[in-house]
Amino acid sequence: MLRWGKENGYKVNPESLTFKANIQTIRKTVTFLTYEEIELLSTYNFPESKTYLDRVRDVFCLHFKKKSFVFRYSCMK
């Protein structure tokens, strides 16, 4: 976008065209749940003080049980 501006007569700071960002990537460990772990989670009973986690659990487990990668939260309402 800056090059386009310069080519079309807009004032552009020349240093911004030569800027190189020093972005470091960090390797992250990816953890997968087994089917047994998902089943255990789907039947887990949360304490009374954290009943809001029931809904989170249901949405999370439904995603895997339906084997659907496209899921709308509005379908749960």
PDB file of N, CA and C in Angstrom:
ATOM      1  N   MET A   1       0.821  -1.163   0.000  1.00  0.00           N
ATOM      2  CA  MET A   1       0.000   0.000   0.000  1.00  0.00           C
ATOM      3  C   MET A   1       0.883   1.251   0.000  1.00  0.00           C
ATOM      4  N   LEU A   2       1.977   1.205   0.719  1.00  0.00           N
ATOM      5  CA  LEU A   2       2.883   2.356   0.734  1.00  0.00           C
ATOM      6  C   LEU A   2       3.549   2.554  -0.625  1.00  0.00           C
ATOM      7  N   ARG A   3       3.901   1.451  -1.264  1.00  0.00           N
ATOM      8  CA  ARG A   3       4.511   1.566  -2.603  1.00  0.00           C
ATOM      9  C   ARG A   3       3.515   2.151  -3.589  1.00  0.00           C
ATOM     10  N   TRP A   4       2.268   1.753  -3.484  1.00  0.00           N
ATOM     11  CA  TRP A   4       1.228   2.301  -4.354  1.00  0.00           C
ATOM     12  C   TRP A   4       1.104   3.797  -4.123  1.00  0.00           C
ATOM     13  N   GLY A   5       1.126   4.222  -2.858  1.00  0.00           N
ATOM     14  CA  GLY A   5       1.036   5.641  -2.552  1.00  0.00           C
ATOM     15  C   GLY A   5       2.198   6.425  -3.129  1.00  0.00           C
ATOM     16  N   LYS A   6       3.399   5.883  -3.012  1.00  0.00           N
ATOM     17  CA  LYS A   6       4.568   6.560  -3.558  1.00  0.00           C
ATOM     18  C   LYS A   6       4.479   6.661  -5.078  1.00  0.00           C
ATOM     19  N   GLU A   7       4.041   5.572  -5.723  1.00  0.00           N
ATOM     20  CA  GLU A   7       3.907   5.568  -7.181  1.00  0.00           C
ATOM     21  C   GLU A   7       2.834   6.530  -7.663  1.00  0.00           C
ATOM     22  N   ASN A   8       1.863   6.839  -6.829  1.00  0.00           N
ATOM     23  CA  ASN A   8       0.765   7.726  -7.220  1.00  0.00           C
ATOM     24  C   ASN A   8       0.902   9.132  -6.653  1.00  0.00           C
ATOM     25  N   GLY A   9       2.105   9.497  -6.252  1.00  0.00           N
ATOM     26  CA  GLY A   9       2.384  10.879  -5.874  1.00  0.00           C
ATOM     27  C   GLY A   9       2.122  11.239  -4.433  1.00  0.00           C
ATOM     28  N   TYR A  10       1.822  10.289  -3.576  1.00  0.00           N
ATOM     29  CA  TYR A  10       1.625  10.590  -2.161  1.00  0.00           C
ATOM     30  C   TYR A  10       2.970  10.621  -1.446  1.00  0.00           C
ATOM     31  N   LYS A  11       3.055  11.464  -0.405  1.00  0.00           N
ATOM     32  CA  LYS A  11       4.293  11.537   0.358  1.00  0.00           C
ATOM     33  C   LYS A  11       4.397  10.313   1.257  1.00  0.00           C
ATOM     34  N   VAL A  12       5.513   9.602   1.136  1.00  0.00           N
ATOM     35  CA  VAL A  12       5.751   8.401   1.920  1.00  0.00           C
ATOM     36  C   VAL A  12       7.152   8.489   2.485  1.00  0.00           C
ATOM     37  N   ASN A  13       7.287   8.187   3.775  1.00  0.00           N
ATOM     38  CA  ASN A  13       8.589   8.171   4.405  1.00  0.00           C
ATOM     39  C   ASN A  13       9.404   7.029   3.794  1.00  0.00           C
ATOM     40  N   PRO A  14      10.575   7.324   3.196  1.00  0.00           N
ATOM     41  CA  PRO A  14      11.356   6.269   2.538  1.00  0.00           C
ATOM     42  C   PRO A  14      11.820   5.168   3.501  1.00  0.00           C
ATOM     43  N   GLU A  15      11.976   5.502   4.773  1.00  0.00           N
ATOM     44  CA  GLU A  15      12.402   4.491   5.733  1.00  0.00           C
ATOM     45  C   GLU A  15      11.322   3.422   5.937  1.00  0.00           C
ATOM     46  N   SER A  16      10.068   3.812   5.758  1.00  0.00           N
ATOM     47  CA  SER A  16       8.999   2.836   5.949  1.00  0.00           C
ATOM     48  C   SER A  16       8.980   1.794   4.836  1.00  0.00           C
ATOM     49  N   LEU A  17       9.556   2.116   3.675  1.00  0.00           N
ATOM     50  CA  LEU A  17       9.599   1.151   2.573  1.00  0.00           C
ATOM     51  C   LEU A  17      10.700   0.114   2.766  1.00  0.00           C
ATOM     52  N   THR A  18      11.723   0.453   3.556  1.00  0.00           N
ATOM     53  CA  THR A  18      12.830  -0.478   3.765  1.00  0.00           C
ATOM     54  C   THR A  18      12.778  -1.155   5.133  1.00  0.00           C
ATOM     55  N   PHE A  19      11.723  -0.908   5.893  1.00  0.00           N
ATOM     56  CA  PHE A  19      11.595  -1.480   7.241  1.00  0.00           C
ATOM     57  C   PHE A  19      11.428  -2.988   7.157  1.00  0.00           C
ATOM     58  N   LYS A  20      12.188  -3.702   7.951  1.00  0.00           N
ATOM     59  CA  LYS A  20      12.085  -5.154   8.062  1.00  0.00           C
ATOM     60  C   LYS A  20      11.733  -5.490   9.510  1.00  0.00           C
ATOM     61  N   ALA A  21      10.591  -6.093   9.727  1.00  0.00           N
ATOM     62  CA  ALA A  21      10.169  -6.463  11.076  1.00  0.00           C
ATOM     63  C   ALA A  21      10.937  -7.697  11.530  1.00  0.00           C
ATOM     64  N   ASN A  22      11.371  -7.677  12.775  1.00  0.00           N
ATOM     65  CA  ASN A  22      12.087  -8.814  13.345  1.00  0.00           C
ATOM     66  C   ASN A  22      11.088  -9.649  14.151  1.00  0.00           C
ATOM     67  N   ILE A  23      10.316 -10.468  13.445  1.00  0.00           N
ATOM     68  CA  ILE A  23       9.290 -11.276  14.079  1.00  0.00           C
ATOM     69  C   ILE A  23       9.833 -12.679  14.290  1.00  0.00           C
ATOM     70  N   GLN A  24       9.769 -13.120  15.524  1.00  0.00           N
ATOM     71  CA  GLN A  24      10.261 -14.459  15.856  1.00  0.00           C
ATOM     72  C   GLN A  24       9.078 -15.404  15.993  1.00  0.00           C
ATOM     73  N   THR A  25       9.209 -16.582  15.438  1.00  0.00           N
ATOM     74  CA  THR A  25       8.166 -17.582  15.605  1.00  0.00           C
ATOM     75  C   THR A  25       8.578 -18.533  16.726  1.00  0.00           C
ATOM     76  N   ILE A  26       7.625 -18.887  17.528  1.00  0.00           N
ATOM     77  CA  ILE A  26       7.869 -19.775  18.652  1.00  0.00           C
ATOM     78  C   ILE A  26       7.141 -21.087  18.381  1.00  0.00           C
ATOM     79  N   ARG A  27       7.883 -22.168  18.464  1.00  0.00           N
ATOM     80  CA  ARG A  27       7.259 -23.477  18.274  1.00  0.00           C
ATOM     81  C   ARG A  27       6.379 -23.792  19.473  1.00  0.00           C
ATOM     82  N   LYS A  28       5.154 -24.226  19.183  1.00  0.00           N
ATOM     83  CA  LYS A  28       4.221 -24.565  20.240  1.00  0.00           C
ATOM     84  C   LYS A  28       3.899 -26.049  20.161  1.00  0.00           C
ATOM     85  N   THR A  29       3.763 -26.639  21.309  1.00  0.00           N
ATOM     86  CA  THR A  29       3.391 -28.041  21.371  1.00  0.00           C
ATOM     87  C   THR A  29       1.884 -28.159  21.191  1.00  0.00           C
ATOM     88  N   VAL A  30       1.456 -29.009  20.278  1.00  0.00           N
ATOM     89  CA  VAL A  30       0.037 -29.224  20.029  1.00  0.00           C
ATOM     90  C   VAL A  30      -0.367 -30.513  20.729  1.00  0.00           C
ATOM     91  N   THR A  31      -1.412 -30.419  21.528  1.00  0.00           N
ATOM     92  CA  THR A  31      -1.893 -31.575  22.265  1.00  0.00           C
ATOM     93  C   THR A  31      -3.260 -31.980  21.726  1.00  0.00           C
ATOM     94  N   PHE A  32      -3.429 -33.255  21.463  1.00  0.00           N
ATOM     95  CA  PHE A  32      -4.695 -33.767  20.968  1.00  0.00           C
ATOM     96  C   PHE A  32      -5.355 -34.604  22.043  1.00  0.00           C
ATOM     97  N   LEU A  33      -6.675 -34.561  22.083  1.00  0.00           N
ATOM     98  CA  LEU A  33      -7.414 -35.407  23.009  1.00  0.00           C
ATOM     99  C   LEU A  33      -7.784 -36.706  22.316  1.00  0.00           C
ATOM    100  N   THR A  34      -7.735 -37.780  23.068  1.00  0.00           N
ATOM    101  CA  THR A  34      -8.181 -39.057  22.522  1.00  0.00           C
ATOM    102  C   THR A  34      -9.704 -39.117  22.623  1.00  0.00           C
ATOM    103  N   TYR A  35     -10.293 -40.073  21.945  1.00  0.00           N
ATOM    104  CA  TYR A  35     -11.743 -40.221  22.005  1.00  0.00           C
ATOM    105  C   TYR A  35     -12.197 -40.514  23.431  1.00  0.00           C
ATOM    106  N   GLU A  36     -11.427 -41.293  24.153  1.00  0.00           N
ATOM    107  CA  GLU A  36     -11.771 -41.611  25.538  1.00  0.00           C
ATOM    108  C   GLU A  36     -11.757 -40.354  26.413  1.00  0.00           C
ATOM    109  N   GLU A  37     -10.813 -39.466  26.180  1.00  0.00           N
ATOM    110  CA  GLU A  37     -10.741 -38.227  26.954  1.00  0.00           C
ATOM    111  C   GLU A  37     -11.920 -37.315  26.637  1.00  0.00           C
ATOM    112  N   ILE A  38     -12.331 -37.285  25.391  1.00  0.00           N
ATOM    113  CA  ILE A  38     -13.493 -36.472  25.021  1.00  0.00           C
ATOM    114  C   ILE A  38     -14.752 -37.042  25.666  1.00  0.00           C
ATOM    115  N   GLU A  39     -14.868 -38.371  25.683  1.00  0.00           N
ATOM    116  CA  GLU A  39     -16.001 -39.011  26.349  1.00  0.00           C
ATOM    117  C   GLU A  39     -16.000 -38.701  27.845  1.00  0.00           C
ATOM    118  N   LEU A  40     -14.842 -38.745  28.469  1.00  0.00           N
ATOM    119  CA  LEU A  40     -14.734 -38.425  29.885  1.00  0.00           C
ATOM    120  C   LEU A  40     -15.159 -36.981  30.149  1.00  0.00           C
ATOM    121  N   LEU A  41     -14.734 -36.082  29.303  1.00  0.00           N
ATOM    122  CA  LEU A  41     -15.106 -34.676  29.437  1.00  0.00           C
ATOM    123  C   LEU A  41     -16.606 -34.481  29.234  1.00  0.00           C
ATOM    124  N   SER A  42     -17.176 -35.204  28.289  1.00  0.00           N
ATOM    125  CA  SER A  42     -18.605 -35.018  28.001  1.00  0.00           C
ATOM    126  C   SER A  42     -19.499 -35.499  29.142  1.00  0.00           C
ATOM    127  N   THR A  43     -19.009 -36.383  29.974  1.00  0.00           N
ATOM    128  CA  THR A  43     -19.816 -36.882  31.096  1.00  0.00           C
ATOM    129  C   THR A  43     -19.409 -36.274  32.436  1.00  0.00           C
ATOM    130  N   TYR A  44     -18.454 -35.367  32.424  1.00  0.00           N
ATOM    131  CA  TYR A  44     -17.974 -34.765  33.662  1.00  0.00           C
ATOM    132  C   TYR A  44     -19.040 -33.842  34.252  1.00  0.00           C
ATOM    133  N   ASN A  45     -19.249 -33.933  35.550  1.00  0.00           N
ATOM    134  CA  ASN A  45     -20.198 -33.055  36.244  1.00  0.00           C
ATOM    135  C   ASN A  45     -19.416 -31.960  36.959  1.00  0.00           C
ATOM    136  N   PHE A  46     -19.658 -30.731  36.556  1.00  0.00           N
ATOM    137  CA  PHE A  46     -18.981 -29.593  37.172  1.00  0.00           C
ATOM    138  C   PHE A  46     -19.647 -29.250  38.499  1.00  0.00           C
ATOM    139  N   PRO A  47     -18.905 -28.633  39.422  1.00  0.00           N
ATOM    140  CA  PRO A  47     -19.505 -28.232  40.698  1.00  0.00           C
ATOM    141  C   PRO A  47     -20.584 -27.168  40.486  1.00  0.00           C
ATOM    142  N   GLU A  48     -21.454 -27.027  41.467  1.00  0.00           N
ATOM    143  CA  GLU A  48     -22.565 -26.069  41.375  1.00  0.00           C
ATOM    144  C   GLU A  48     -22.090 -24.642  41.138  1.00  0.00           C
ATOM    145  N   SER A  49     -20.912 -24.295  41.623  1.00  0.00           N
ATOM    146  CA  SER A  49     -20.408 -22.924  41.473  1.00  0.00           C
ATOM    147  C   SER A  49     -19.930 -22.631  40.053  1.00  0.00           C
ATOM    148  N   LYS A  50     -19.787 -23.677  39.240  1.00  0.00           N
ATOM    149  CA  LYS A  50     -19.281 -23.475  37.878  1.00  0.00           C
ATOM    150  C   LYS A  50     -20.199 -24.125  36.843  1.00  0.00           C
ATOM    151  N   THR A  51     -21.482 -23.918  36.992  1.00  0.00           N
ATOM    152  CA  THR A  51     -22.438 -24.529  36.065  1.00  0.00           C
ATOM    153  C   THR A  51     -22.342 -23.937  34.664  1.00  0.00           C
ATOM    154  N   TYR A  52     -21.773 -22.748  34.536  1.00  0.00           N
ATOM    155  CA  TYR A  52     -21.600 -22.143  33.215  1.00  0.00           C
ATOM    156  C   TYR A  52     -20.675 -22.975  32.329  1.00  0.00           C
ATOM    157  N   LEU A  53     -19.834 -23.792  32.947  1.00  0.00           N
ATOM    158  CA  LEU A  53     -18.928 -24.635  32.170  1.00  0.00           C
ATOM    159  C   LEU A  53     -19.648 -25.794  31.490  1.00  0.00           C
ATOM    160  N   ASP A  54     -20.857 -26.100  31.936  1.00  0.00           N
ATOM    161  CA  ASP A  54     -21.647 -27.136  31.272  1.00  0.00           C
ATOM    162  C   ASP A  54     -21.896 -26.782  29.811  1.00  0.00           C
ATOM    163  N   ARG A  55     -22.250 -25.551  29.572  1.00  0.00           N
ATOM    164  CA  ARG A  55     -22.544 -25.103  28.205  1.00  0.00           C
ATOM    165  C   ARG A  55     -21.283 -25.116  27.340  1.00  0.00           C
ATOM    166  N   VAL A  56     -20.168 -24.670  27.911  1.00  0.00           N
ATOM    167  CA  VAL A  56     -18.893 -24.678  27.189  1.00  0.00           C
ATOM    168  C   VAL A  56     -18.518 -26.107  26.827  1.00  0.00           C
ATOM    169  N   ARG A  57     -18.657 -27.009  27.793  1.00  0.00           N
ATOM    170  CA  ARG A  57     -18.350 -28.416  27.557  1.00  0.00           C
ATOM    171  C   ARG A  57     -19.232 -28.983  26.449  1.00  0.00           C
ATOM    172  N   ASP A  58     -20.530 -28.666  26.479  1.00  0.00           N
ATOM    173  CA  ASP A  58     -21.454 -29.194  25.477  1.00  0.00           C
ATOM    174  C   ASP A  58     -21.089 -28.736  24.075  1.00  0.00           C
ATOM    175  N   VAL A  59     -20.754 -27.467  23.933  1.00  0.00           N
ATOM    176  CA  VAL A  59     -20.374 -26.951  22.618  1.00  0.00           C
ATOM    177  C   VAL A  59     -19.079 -27.594  22.149  1.00  0.00           C
ATOM    178  N   PHE A  60     -18.112 -27.714  23.035  1.00  0.00           N
ATOM    179  CA  PHE A  60     -16.826 -28.307  22.688  1.00  0.00           C
ATOM    180  C   PHE A  60     -16.984 -29.766  22.272  1.00  0.00           C
ATOM    181  N   CYS A  61     -17.708 -30.532  23.058  1.00  0.00           N
ATOM    182  CA  CYS A  61     -17.867 -31.967  22.770  1.00  0.00           C
ATOM    183  C   CYS A  61     -18.750 -32.202  21.555  1.00  0.00           C
ATOM    184  N   LEU A  62     -19.764 -31.373  21.373  1.00  0.00           N
ATOM    185  CA  LEU A  62     -20.633 -31.532  20.210  1.00  0.00           C
ATOM    186  C   LEU A  62     -19.847 -31.354  18.922  1.00  0.00           C
ATOM    187  N   HIS A  63     -18.917 -30.452  18.943  1.00  0.00           N
ATOM    188  CA  HIS A  63     -18.074 -30.209  17.765  1.00  0.00           C
ATOM    189  C   HIS A  63     -17.361 -31.496  17.344  1.00  0.00           C
ATOM    190  N   PHE A  64     -16.827 -32.226  18.291  1.00  0.00           N
ATOM    191  CA  PHE A  64     -16.078 -33.441  17.966  1.00  0.00           C
ATOM    192  C   PHE A  64     -16.989 -34.629  17.682  1.00  0.00           C
ATOM    193  N   LYS A  65     -18.105 -34.697  18.385  1.00  0.00           N
ATOM    194  CA  LYS A  65     -18.995 -35.835  18.172  1.00  0.00           C
ATOM    195  C   LYS A  65     -19.686 -35.764  16.813  1.00  0.00           C
ATOM    196  N   LYS A  66     -19.973 -34.570  16.343  1.00  0.00           N
ATOM    197  CA  LYS A  66     -20.601 -34.408  15.034  1.00  0.00           C
ATOM    198  C   LYS A  66     -19.571 -34.485  13.913  1.00  0.00           C
ATOM    199  N   LYS A  67     -18.290 -34.410  14.281  1.00  0.00           N
ATOM    200  CA  LYS A  67     -17.188 -34.417  13.317  1.00  0.00           C
ATOM    201  C   LYS A  67     -17.383 -33.340  12.252  1.00  0.00           C
ATOM    202  N   SER A  68     -17.859 -32.209  12.718  1.00  0.00           N
ATOM    203  CA  SER A  68     -18.131 -31.092  11.828  1.00  0.00           C
ATOM    204  C   SER A  68     -17.141 -29.980  12.132  1.00  0.00           C
ATOM    205  N   PHE A  69     -16.531 -29.462  11.118  1.00  0.00           N
ATOM    206  CA  PHE A  69     -15.598 -28.360  11.304  1.00  0.00           C
ATOM    207  C   PHE A  69     -16.290 -27.019  11.156  1.00  0.00           C
ATOM    208  N   VAL A  70     -17.527 -27.022  10.684  1.00  0.00           N
ATOM    209  CA  VAL A  70     -18.300 -25.790  10.589  1.00  0.00           C
ATOM    210  C   VAL A  70     -19.419 -25.904  11.606  1.00  0.00           C
ATOM    211  N   PHE A  71     -19.373 -25.067  12.607  1.00  0.00           N
ATOM    212  CA  PHE A  71     -20.341 -25.140  13.684  1.00  0.00           C
ATOM    213  C   PHE A  71     -20.759 -23.738  14.063  1.00  0.00           C
ATOM    214  N   ARG A  72     -22.061 -23.545  14.221  1.00  0.00           N
ATOM    215  CA  ARG A  72     -22.569 -22.242  14.625  1.00  0.00           C
ATOM    216  C   ARG A  72     -23.116 -22.337  16.032  1.00  0.00           C
ATOM    217  N   TYR A  73     -22.696 -21.429  16.868  1.00  0.00           N
ATOM    218  CA  TYR A  73     -23.165 -21.406  18.256  1.00  0.00           C
ATOM    219  C   TYR A  73     -24.659 -21.149  18.296  1.00  0.00           C
ATOM    220  N   SER A  74     -25.195 -20.424  17.310  1.00  0.00           N
ATOM    221  CA  SER A  74     -26.615 -20.109  17.309  1.00  0.00           C
ATOM    222  C   SER A  74     -27.464 -21.368  17.201  1.00  0.00           C
ATOM    223  N   CYS A  75     -26.914 -22.467  16.725  1.00  0.00           N
ATOM    224  CA  CYS A  75     -27.663 -23.717  16.642  1.00  0.00           C
ATOM    225  C   CYS A  75     -27.956 -24.280  18.023  1.00  0.00           C
ATOM    226  N   MET A  76     -27.184 -23.888  19.028  1.00  0.00           N
ATOM    227  CA  MET A  76     -27.364 -24.394  20.376  1.00  0.00           C
ATOM    228  C   MET A  76     -28.522 -23.720  21.098  1.00  0.00           C
ATOM    229  N   LYS A  77     -28.933 -22.542  20.656  1.00  0.00           N
ATOM    230  CA  LYS A  77     -29.958 -21.763  21.367  1.00  0.00           C
ATOM    231  C   LYS A  77     -31.338 -22.312  21.127  1.00  0.00           C
TER     232      LYS A  77
END
